[in-house]
Amino acid sequence: MLEETDNVIGLEVYTPEGIFLGQVDRVILDVPNKKVDGLFMETASPVLVDEGVSINIPYGWVQSVGDVVLLRYFPKRVSRNGRVEQ
Protein backbone atom coordinates (compact mmCIF):
# COMPACT_ATOMS: atom_id res chain seq x y z
CA MET A 1 0.00 0.00 0.00
CA LEU A 2 1.09 3.59 -0.55
CA GLU A 3 2.60 5.33 2.43
CA GLU A 4 1.54 8.84 1.45
CA THR A 5 -1.39 9.50 -0.82
CA ASP A 6 -0.29 13.13 -1.33
CA ASN A 7 2.63 11.84 -3.42
CA VAL A 8 0.18 10.30 -5.92
CA ILE A 9 -2.03 13.35 -6.45
CA GLY A 10 -0.95 15.13 -9.62
CA LEU A 11 0.90 12.14 -11.11
CA GLU A 12 0.34 11.48 -14.81
CA VAL A 13 -1.53 8.27 -15.65
CA TYR A 14 -0.73 6.13 -18.72
CA THR A 15 -2.56 3.16 -20.23
CA PRO A 16 -0.75 -0.13 -20.92
CA GLU A 17 -0.30 1.11 -24.50
CA GLY A 18 1.48 4.25 -23.25
CA ILE A 19 -1.40 6.64 -24.01
CA PHE A 20 -1.61 9.61 -21.63
CA LEU A 21 -4.90 9.39 -19.73
CA GLY A 22 -4.66 12.38 -17.37
CA GLN A 23 -3.59 13.28 -13.85
CA VAL A 24 -4.69 11.88 -10.50
CA ASP A 25 -6.94 14.37 -8.69
CA ARG A 26 -7.79 12.27 -5.63
CA VAL A 27 -6.92 8.96 -4.06
CA ILE A 28 -10.00 7.01 -2.95
CA LEU A 29 -9.43 5.11 0.29
CA ASP A 30 -11.27 2.11 1.72
CA VAL A 31 -10.78 3.20 5.33
CA PRO A 32 -12.36 0.18 7.10
CA ASN A 33 -10.07 -2.19 5.18
CA LYS A 34 -7.08 0.20 5.25
CA LYS A 35 -6.36 0.09 1.54
CA VAL A 36 -6.41 2.23 -1.58
CA ASP A 37 -9.63 1.68 -3.53
CA GLY A 38 -9.02 3.80 -6.61
CA LEU A 39 -7.59 6.84 -8.33
CA PHE A 40 -10.09 9.56 -9.22
CA MET A 41 -9.67 11.82 -12.24
CA GLU A 42 -11.90 14.87 -12.81
CA THR A 43 -10.91 15.05 -16.46
CA ALA A 44 -9.32 12.50 -18.74
CA SER A 45 -7.99 12.41 -22.28
CA PRO A 46 -10.79 12.90 -24.83
CA VAL A 47 -9.11 10.18 -26.89
CA LEU A 48 -10.26 7.62 -24.30
CA VAL A 49 -13.02 9.28 -22.26
CA ASP A 50 -15.95 11.45 -23.38
CA GLU A 51 -15.55 15.11 -22.43
CA GLY A 52 -16.93 15.99 -19.01
CA VAL A 53 -16.83 12.42 -17.69
CA SER A 54 -14.97 11.89 -14.41
CA ILE A 55 -13.51 8.45 -13.79
CA ASN A 56 -12.43 6.36 -10.82
CA ILE A 57 -9.75 3.87 -11.80
CA PRO A 58 -9.93 0.75 -9.61
CA TYR A 59 -6.60 0.28 -7.87
CA GLY A 60 -6.48 -3.30 -9.16
CA TRP A 61 -5.93 -1.82 -12.64
CA VAL A 62 -2.73 -0.09 -11.48
CA GLN A 63 0.47 -1.85 -12.47
CA SER A 64 2.94 0.55 -10.86
CA VAL A 65 3.27 3.92 -9.16
CA GLY A 66 6.50 5.89 -9.38
CA ASP A 67 7.23 9.05 -11.32
CA VAL A 68 4.00 8.23 -13.21
CA VAL A 69 1.12 5.79 -12.78
CA LEU A 70 1.15 2.92 -15.25
CA LEU A 71 -2.05 0.93 -15.67
CA ARG A 72 -2.22 -2.78 -16.38
CA TYR A 73 -5.71 -2.33 -17.89
CA PHE A 74 -7.95 0.40 -19.26
CA PRO A 75 -10.95 -0.01 -21.60
CA LYS A 76 -10.84 1.22 -25.20
CA ARG A 77 -13.34 3.99 -24.48
CA VAL A 78 -15.53 5.32 -21.66
CA SER A 79 -18.63 7.20 -22.81
CA ARG A 80 -20.86 9.79 -21.19
CA ASN A 81 -23.77 7.36 -20.84
CA GLY A 82 -21.62 5.03 -18.73
CA ARG A 83 -20.95 2.60 -21.56
CA VAL A 84 -17.49 1.07 -21.58
CA GLU A 85 -15.97 -0.37 -24.75
CA GLN A 86 -13.68 -3.28 -23.95
C-alpha atoms as a PDB file:
ATOM      1  CA  MET A   1       0.000   0.000   0.000  1.00  0.00           C
ATOM      2  CA  LEU A   2       1.088   3.588  -0.553  1.00  0.00           C
ATOM      3  CA  GLU A   3       2.597   5.335   2.434  1.00  0.00           C
ATOM      4  CA  GLU A   4       1.544   8.838   1.451  1.00  0.00           C
ATOM      5  CA  THR A   5      -1.392   9.503  -0.821  1.00  0.00           C
ATOM      6  CA  ASP A   6      -0.290  13.130  -1.334  1.00  0.00           C
ATOM      7  CA  ASN A   7       2.629  11.844  -3.425  1.00  0.00           C
ATOM      8  CA  VAL A   8       0.183  10.297  -5.924  1.00  0.00           C
ATOM      9  CA  ILE A   9      -2.032  13.347  -6.448  1.00  0.00           C
ATOM     10  CA  GLY A  10      -0.947  15.127  -9.623  1.00  0.00           C
ATOM     11  CA  LEU A  11       0.897  12.144 -11.109  1.00  0.00           C
ATOM     12  CA  GLU A  12       0.338  11.476 -14.808  1.00  0.00           C
ATOM     13  CA  VAL A  13      -1.530   8.269 -15.654  1.00  0.00           C
ATOM     14  CA  TYR A  14      -0.730   6.133 -18.715  1.00  0.00           C
ATOM     15  CA  THR A  15      -2.562   3.164 -20.227  1.00  0.00           C
ATOM     16  CA  PRO A  16      -0.754  -0.132 -20.916  1.00  0.00           C
ATOM     17  CA  GLU A  17      -0.297   1.107 -24.500  1.00  0.00           C
ATOM     18  CA  GLY A  18       1.480   4.246 -23.250  1.00  0.00           C
ATOM     19  CA  ILE A  19      -1.395   6.642 -24.009  1.00  0.00           C
ATOM     20  CA  PHE A  20      -1.606   9.615 -21.629  1.00  0.00           C
ATOM     21  CA  LEU A  21      -4.903   9.394 -19.727  1.00  0.00           C
ATOM     22  CA  GLY A  22      -4.661  12.382 -17.374  1.00  0.00           C
ATOM     23  CA  GLN A  23      -3.590  13.281 -13.852  1.00  0.00           C
ATOM     24  CA  VAL A  24      -4.687  11.877 -10.501  1.00  0.00           C
ATOM     25  CA  ASP A  25      -6.939  14.373  -8.685  1.00  0.00           C
ATOM     26  CA  ARG A  26      -7.794  12.273  -5.631  1.00  0.00           C
ATOM     27  CA  VAL A  27      -6.918   8.956  -4.055  1.00  0.00           C
ATOM     28  CA  ILE A  28      -9.998   7.013  -2.949  1.00  0.00           C
ATOM     29  CA  LEU A  29      -9.429   5.109   0.286  1.00  0.00           C
ATOM     30  CA  ASP A  30     -11.268   2.112   1.721  1.00  0.00           C
ATOM     31  CA  VAL A  31     -10.784   3.198   5.330  1.00  0.00           C
ATOM     32  CA  PRO A  32     -12.364   0.181   7.098  1.00  0.00           C
ATOM     33  CA  ASN A  33     -10.074  -2.188   5.181  1.00  0.00           C
ATOM     34  CA  LYS A  34      -7.079   0.200   5.255  1.00  0.00           C
ATOM     35  CA  LYS A  35      -6.361   0.086   1.541  1.00  0.00           C
ATOM     36  CA  VAL A  36      -6.409   2.230  -1.582  1.00  0.00           C
ATOM     37  CA  ASP A  37      -9.627   1.679  -3.531  1.00  0.00           C
ATOM     38  CA  GLY A  38      -9.016   3.803  -6.613  1.00  0.00           C
ATOM     39  CA  LEU A  39      -7.588   6.840  -8.333  1.00  0.00           C
ATOM     40  CA  PHE A  40     -10.089   9.563  -9.219  1.00  0.00           C
ATOM     41  CA  MET A  41      -9.666  11.818 -12.239  1.00  0.00           C
ATOM     42  CA  GLU A  42     -11.896  14.872 -12.813  1.00  0.00           C
ATOM     43  CA  THR A  43     -10.906  15.055 -16.459  1.00  0.00           C
ATOM     44  CA  ALA A  44      -9.321  12.503 -18.744  1.00  0.00           C
ATOM     45  CA  SER A  45      -7.993  12.408 -22.278  1.00  0.00           C
ATOM     46  CA  PRO A  46     -10.790  12.898 -24.831  1.00  0.00           C
ATOM     47  CA  VAL A  47      -9.107  10.183 -26.887  1.00  0.00           C
ATOM     48  CA  LEU A  48     -10.256   7.616 -24.297  1.00  0.00           C
ATOM     49  CA  VAL A  49     -13.016   9.277 -22.256  1.00  0.00           C
ATOM     50  CA  ASP A  50     -15.951  11.446 -23.376  1.00  0.00           C
ATOM     51  CA  GLU A  51     -15.547  15.108 -22.435  1.00  0.00           C
ATOM     52  CA  GLY A  52     -16.930  15.993 -19.011  1.00  0.00           C
ATOM     53  CA  VAL A  53     -16.828  12.415 -17.695  1.00  0.00           C
ATOM     54  CA  SER A  54     -14.965  11.894 -14.415  1.00  0.00           C
ATOM     55  CA  ILE A  55     -13.511   8.454 -13.792  1.00  0.00           C
ATOM     56  CA  ASN A  56     -12.432   6.364 -10.823  1.00  0.00           C
ATOM     57  CA  ILE A  57      -9.754   3.874 -11.801  1.00  0.00           C
ATOM     58  CA  PRO A  58      -9.926   0.751  -9.613  1.00  0.00           C
ATOM     59  CA  TYR A  59      -6.603   0.277  -7.866  1.00  0.00           C
ATOM     60  CA  GLY A  60      -6.482  -3.299  -9.159  1.00  0.00           C
ATOM     61  CA  TRP A  61      -5.930  -1.821 -12.638  1.00  0.00           C
ATOM     62  CA  VAL A  62      -2.729  -0.087 -11.482  1.00  0.00           C
ATOM     63  CA  GLN A  63       0.475  -1.845 -12.471  1.00  0.00           C
ATOM     64  CA  SER A  64       2.939   0.547 -10.858  1.00  0.00           C
ATOM     65  CA  VAL A  65       3.270   3.919  -9.165  1.00  0.00           C
ATOM     66  CA  GLY A  66       6.500   5.891  -9.379  1.00  0.00           C
ATOM     67  CA  ASP A  67       7.228   9.049 -11.319  1.00  0.00           C
ATOM     68  CA  VAL A  68       3.999   8.230 -13.209  1.00  0.00           C
ATOM     69  CA  VAL A  69       1.120   5.788 -12.779  1.00  0.00           C
ATOM     70  CA  LEU A  70       1.152   2.919 -15.254  1.00  0.00           C
ATOM     71  CA  LEU A  71      -2.052   0.933 -15.675  1.00  0.00           C
ATOM     72  CA  ARG A  72      -2.220  -2.779 -16.377  1.00  0.00           C
ATOM     73  CA  TYR A  73      -5.714  -2.333 -17.893  1.00  0.00           C
ATOM     74  CA  PHE A  74      -7.954   0.404 -19.258  1.00  0.00           C
ATOM     75  CA  PRO A  75     -10.955  -0.011 -21.602  1.00  0.00           C
ATOM     76  CA  LYS A  76     -10.838   1.217 -25.204  1.00  0.00           C
ATOM     77  CA  ARG A  77     -13.338   3.987 -24.482  1.00  0.00           C
ATOM     78  CA  VAL A  78     -15.530   5.324 -21.658  1.00  0.00           C
ATOM     79  CA  SER A  79     -18.626   7.200 -22.814  1.00  0.00           C
ATOM     80  CA  ARG A  80     -20.858   9.794 -21.185  1.00  0.00           C
ATOM     81  CA  ASN A  81     -23.770   7.365 -20.843  1.00  0.00           C
ATOM     82  CA  GLY A  82     -21.616   5.025 -18.730  1.00  0.00           C
ATOM     83  CA  ARG A  83     -20.953   2.602 -21.555  1.00  0.00           C
ATOM     84  CA  VAL A  84     -17.492   1.067 -21.579  1.00  0.00           C
ATOM     85  CA  GLU A  85     -15.971  -0.371 -24.747  1.00  0.00           C
ATOM     86  CA  GLN A  86     -13.676  -3.281 -23.954  1.00  0.00           C
END
